[in-house]
Amino acid sequence: MLRLVAMFQGRVRQFPLTAGATATIGSSHENDFVMAFPGVSRRHATVTPSGDKAIVSDAGSKNRLVFRGQRRDSIELFPGDMVQIGRARVLLEKISSSDARIGIAIDAGSHSS
């Protein structure tokens, strides 16, 4: 199983990926993965996992995707690769399905009042 880990100034968001399903990434709550960080467009990108990699494609954002210092429209990420979306750094990780469930539970608990 793959997940994206978005990091910006000590804040971390984890997004487990579903094999074969395309998900949207952006600052708007209408996205599958909400990244309310500076420079992230309302609908910034899409991500599609495929086996041990994920394809991240820009969705017409102002800042595009930055991979290894270059602005790109589409990137093939493998575990350990990092892409910049807005000012956030986003890492692709390979994890066990039990780790994904724990991450979801922790993230859901951080939103309670």
C-alpha atoms as a PDB file:
ATOM      1  CA  MET A   1       0.000   0.000   0.000  1.00  0.00           C
ATOM      2  CA  LEU A   2       1.172   3.530  -0.771  1.00  0.00           C
ATOM      3  CA  ARG A   3       0.561   6.818   0.990  1.00  0.00           C
ATOM      4  CA  LEU A   4       1.450  10.448   0.464  1.00  0.00           C
ATOM      5  CA  VAL A   5       2.890  12.386   3.396  1.00  0.00           C
ATOM      6  CA  ALA A   6       2.555  16.171   3.035  1.00  0.00           C
ATOM      7  CA  MET A   7       4.800  18.353   5.220  1.00  0.00           C
ATOM      8  CA  PHE A   8       4.909  22.110   5.769  1.00  0.00           C
ATOM      9  CA  GLN A   9       6.449  23.946   8.740  1.00  0.00           C
ATOM     10  CA  GLY A  10       6.062  21.042  11.145  1.00  0.00           C
ATOM     11  CA  ARG A  11       2.521  20.175  10.035  1.00  0.00           C
ATOM     12  CA  VAL A  12       2.093  16.702   8.559  1.00  0.00           C
ATOM     13  CA  ARG A  13      -0.880  15.206   6.678  1.00  0.00           C
ATOM     14  CA  GLN A  14      -0.992  11.553   5.619  1.00  0.00           C
ATOM     15  CA  PHE A  15      -3.081  10.326   2.710  1.00  0.00           C
ATOM     16  CA  PRO A  16      -3.385   6.568   2.056  1.00  0.00           C
ATOM     17  CA  LEU A  17      -3.794   5.800  -1.661  1.00  0.00           C
ATOM     18  CA  THR A  18      -6.290   3.304  -3.038  1.00  0.00           C
ATOM     19  CA  ALA A  19      -4.848   1.097  -5.789  1.00  0.00           C
ATOM     20  CA  GLY A  20      -6.125   2.099  -9.212  1.00  0.00           C
ATOM     21  CA  ALA A  21      -8.212   5.043  -7.935  1.00  0.00           C
ATOM     22  CA  THR A  22      -7.397   8.597  -8.991  1.00  0.00           C
ATOM     23  CA  ALA A  23      -7.626  11.153  -6.169  1.00  0.00           C
ATOM     24  CA  THR A  24      -7.552  14.955  -6.258  1.00  0.00           C
ATOM     25  CA  ILE A  25      -5.173  17.112  -4.214  1.00  0.00           C
ATOM     26  CA  GLY A  26      -5.737  20.773  -3.383  1.00  0.00           C
ATOM     27  CA  SER A  27      -6.565  23.383  -0.761  1.00  0.00           C
ATOM     28  CA  SER A  28     -10.345  23.165  -1.265  1.00  0.00           C
ATOM     29  CA  HIS A  29     -12.370  20.815   0.923  1.00  0.00           C
ATOM     30  CA  GLU A  30     -13.859  19.403  -2.296  1.00  0.00           C
ATOM     31  CA  ASN A  31     -10.638  17.421  -2.893  1.00  0.00           C
ATOM     32  CA  ASP A  32      -9.955  13.880  -1.784  1.00  0.00           C
ATOM     33  CA  PHE A  33      -6.722  15.053  -0.115  1.00  0.00           C
ATOM     34  CA  VAL A  34      -6.979  18.539   1.383  1.00  0.00           C
ATOM     35  CA  MET A  35      -3.672  20.391   1.696  1.00  0.00           C
ATOM     36  CA  ALA A  36      -4.418  23.852   3.067  1.00  0.00           C
ATOM     37  CA  PHE A  37      -0.827  25.027   2.762  1.00  0.00           C
ATOM     38  CA  PRO A  38       0.551  28.189   1.074  1.00  0.00           C
ATOM     39  CA  GLY A  39       0.917  27.939  -2.698  1.00  0.00           C
ATOM     40  CA  VAL A  40      -1.420  24.944  -3.031  1.00  0.00           C
ATOM     41  CA  SER A  41      -4.171  25.707  -5.564  1.00  0.00           C
ATOM     42  CA  ARG A  42      -7.818  24.894  -4.848  1.00  0.00           C
ATOM     43  CA  ARG A  43      -7.481  21.917  -7.222  1.00  0.00           C
ATOM     44  CA  HIS A  44      -3.749  21.479  -7.652  1.00  0.00           C
ATOM     45  CA  ALA A  45      -3.123  17.919  -8.838  1.00  0.00           C
ATOM     46  CA  THR A  46      -4.331  14.360  -9.217  1.00  0.00           C
ATOM     47  CA  VAL A  47      -2.598  11.200  -8.026  1.00  0.00           C
ATOM     48  CA  THR A  48      -3.097   7.684  -9.361  1.00  0.00           C
ATOM     49  CA  PRO A  49      -1.303   4.773  -7.693  1.00  0.00           C
ATOM     50  CA  SER A  50      -0.243   1.889  -9.907  1.00  0.00           C
ATOM     51  CA  GLY A  51       1.654  -1.007  -8.349  1.00  0.00           C
ATOM     52  CA  ASP A  52       4.691   0.351  -6.470  1.00  0.00           C
ATOM     53  CA  LYS A  53       4.509   3.822  -8.001  1.00  0.00           C
ATOM     54  CA  ALA A  54       2.119   6.756  -8.284  1.00  0.00           C
ATOM     55  CA  ILE A  55       1.530   9.191 -11.131  1.00  0.00           C
ATOM     56  CA  VAL A  56       1.037  12.772  -9.934  1.00  0.00           C
ATOM     57  CA  SER A  57      -0.346  15.150 -12.575  1.00  0.00           C
ATOM     58  CA  ASP A  58      -0.805  18.897 -12.363  1.00  0.00           C
ATOM     59  CA  ALA A  59      -4.437  19.996 -12.704  1.00  0.00           C
ATOM     60  CA  GLY A  60      -3.700  23.431 -14.189  1.00  0.00           C
ATOM     61  CA  SER A  61      -2.312  24.992 -11.003  1.00  0.00           C
ATOM     62  CA  LYS A  62      -0.403  28.275 -10.975  1.00  0.00           C
ATOM     63  CA  ASN A  63       2.696  26.801  -9.296  1.00  0.00           C
ATOM     64  CA  ARG A  64       2.650  23.381 -11.015  1.00  0.00           C
ATOM     65  CA  LEU A  65       4.619  20.498  -9.509  1.00  0.00           C
ATOM     66  CA  VAL A  66       8.297  20.811  -8.617  1.00  0.00           C
ATOM     67  CA  PHE A  67      10.381  17.643  -8.853  1.00  0.00           C
ATOM     68  CA  ARG A  68      14.149  17.722  -8.390  1.00  0.00           C
ATOM     69  CA  GLY A  69      14.159  21.488  -8.872  1.00  0.00           C
ATOM     70  CA  GLN A  70      12.168  21.522 -12.126  1.00  0.00           C
ATOM     71  CA  ARG A  71       8.533  22.503 -12.706  1.00  0.00           C
ATOM     72  CA  ARG A  72       6.672  19.576 -14.223  1.00  0.00           C
ATOM     73  CA  ASP A  73       3.187  18.729 -15.476  1.00  0.00           C
ATOM     74  CA  SER A  74       3.352  15.047 -14.540  1.00  0.00           C
ATOM     75  CA  ILE A  75       5.663  12.937 -12.402  1.00  0.00           C
ATOM     76  CA  GLU A  76       6.107   9.236 -11.819  1.00  0.00           C
ATOM     77  CA  LEU A  77       6.918   8.809  -8.115  1.00  0.00           C
ATOM     78  CA  PHE A  78       8.404   5.742  -6.458  1.00  0.00           C
ATOM     79  CA  PRO A  79       8.608   5.182  -2.678  1.00  0.00           C
ATOM     80  CA  GLY A  80      11.101   7.650  -1.213  1.00  0.00           C
ATOM     81  CA  ASP A  81      10.557  10.247  -3.972  1.00  0.00           C
ATOM     82  CA  MET A  82       9.452  13.728  -2.974  1.00  0.00           C
ATOM     83  CA  VAL A  83       7.559  16.379  -4.971  1.00  0.00           C
ATOM     84  CA  GLN A  84       6.808  19.959  -4.014  1.00  0.00           C
ATOM     85  CA  ILE A  85       3.147  20.997  -4.225  1.00  0.00           C
ATOM     86  CA  GLY A  86       2.837  24.678  -3.398  1.00  0.00           C
ATOM     87  CA  ARG A  87       5.199  25.163  -0.469  1.00  0.00           C
ATOM     88  CA  ALA A  88       4.554  21.674   0.923  1.00  0.00           C
ATOM     89  CA  ARG A  89       6.930  18.768   0.438  1.00  0.00           C
ATOM     90  CA  VAL A  90       5.084  15.558  -0.408  1.00  0.00           C
ATOM     91  CA  LEU A  91       6.744  12.162   0.069  1.00  0.00           C
ATOM     92  CA  LEU A  92       5.529   8.866  -1.390  1.00  0.00           C
ATOM     93  CA  GLU A  93       5.859   5.995   1.107  1.00  0.00           C
ATOM     94  CA  LYS A  94       5.203   2.262   0.891  1.00  0.00           C
ATOM     95  CA  ILE A  95       3.443   1.066   4.050  1.00  0.00           C
ATOM     96  CA  SER A  96       1.593  -1.952   5.397  1.00  0.00           C
ATOM     97  CA  SER A  97      -2.208  -1.818   5.412  1.00  0.00           C
ATOM     98  CA  SER A  98      -2.210  -1.864   9.255  1.00  0.00           C
ATOM     99  CA  ASP A  99       0.014   1.269   9.299  1.00  0.00           C
ATOM    100  CA  ALA A 100      -2.492   2.971   6.999  1.00  0.00           C
ATOM    101  CA  ARG A 101      -5.383   2.195   9.382  1.00  0.00           C
ATOM    102  CA  ILE A 102      -3.405   3.570  12.343  1.00  0.00           C
ATOM    103  CA  GLY A 103      -2.561   6.748  10.395  1.00  0.00           C
ATOM    104  CA  ILE A 104      -6.206   7.292   9.491  1.00  0.00           C
ATOM    105  CA  ALA A 105      -7.282   6.813  13.119  1.00  0.00           C
ATOM    106  CA  ILE A 106      -4.665   9.294  14.389  1.00  0.00           C
ATOM    107  CA  ASP A 107      -5.554  11.866  11.717  1.00  0.00           C
ATOM    108  CA  ALA A 108      -9.298  11.536  12.451  1.00  0.00           C
ATOM    109  CA  GLY A 109      -8.647  11.941  16.176  1.00  0.00           C
ATOM    110  CA  SER A 110      -6.725  15.186  15.657  1.00  0.00           C
ATOM    111  CA  HIS A 111      -9.863  16.854  14.256  1.00  0.00           C
ATOM    112  CA  SER A 112     -12.048  16.252  17.310  1.00  0.00           C
ATOM    113  CA  SER A 113     -12.927  19.154  19.598  1.00  0.00           C
END
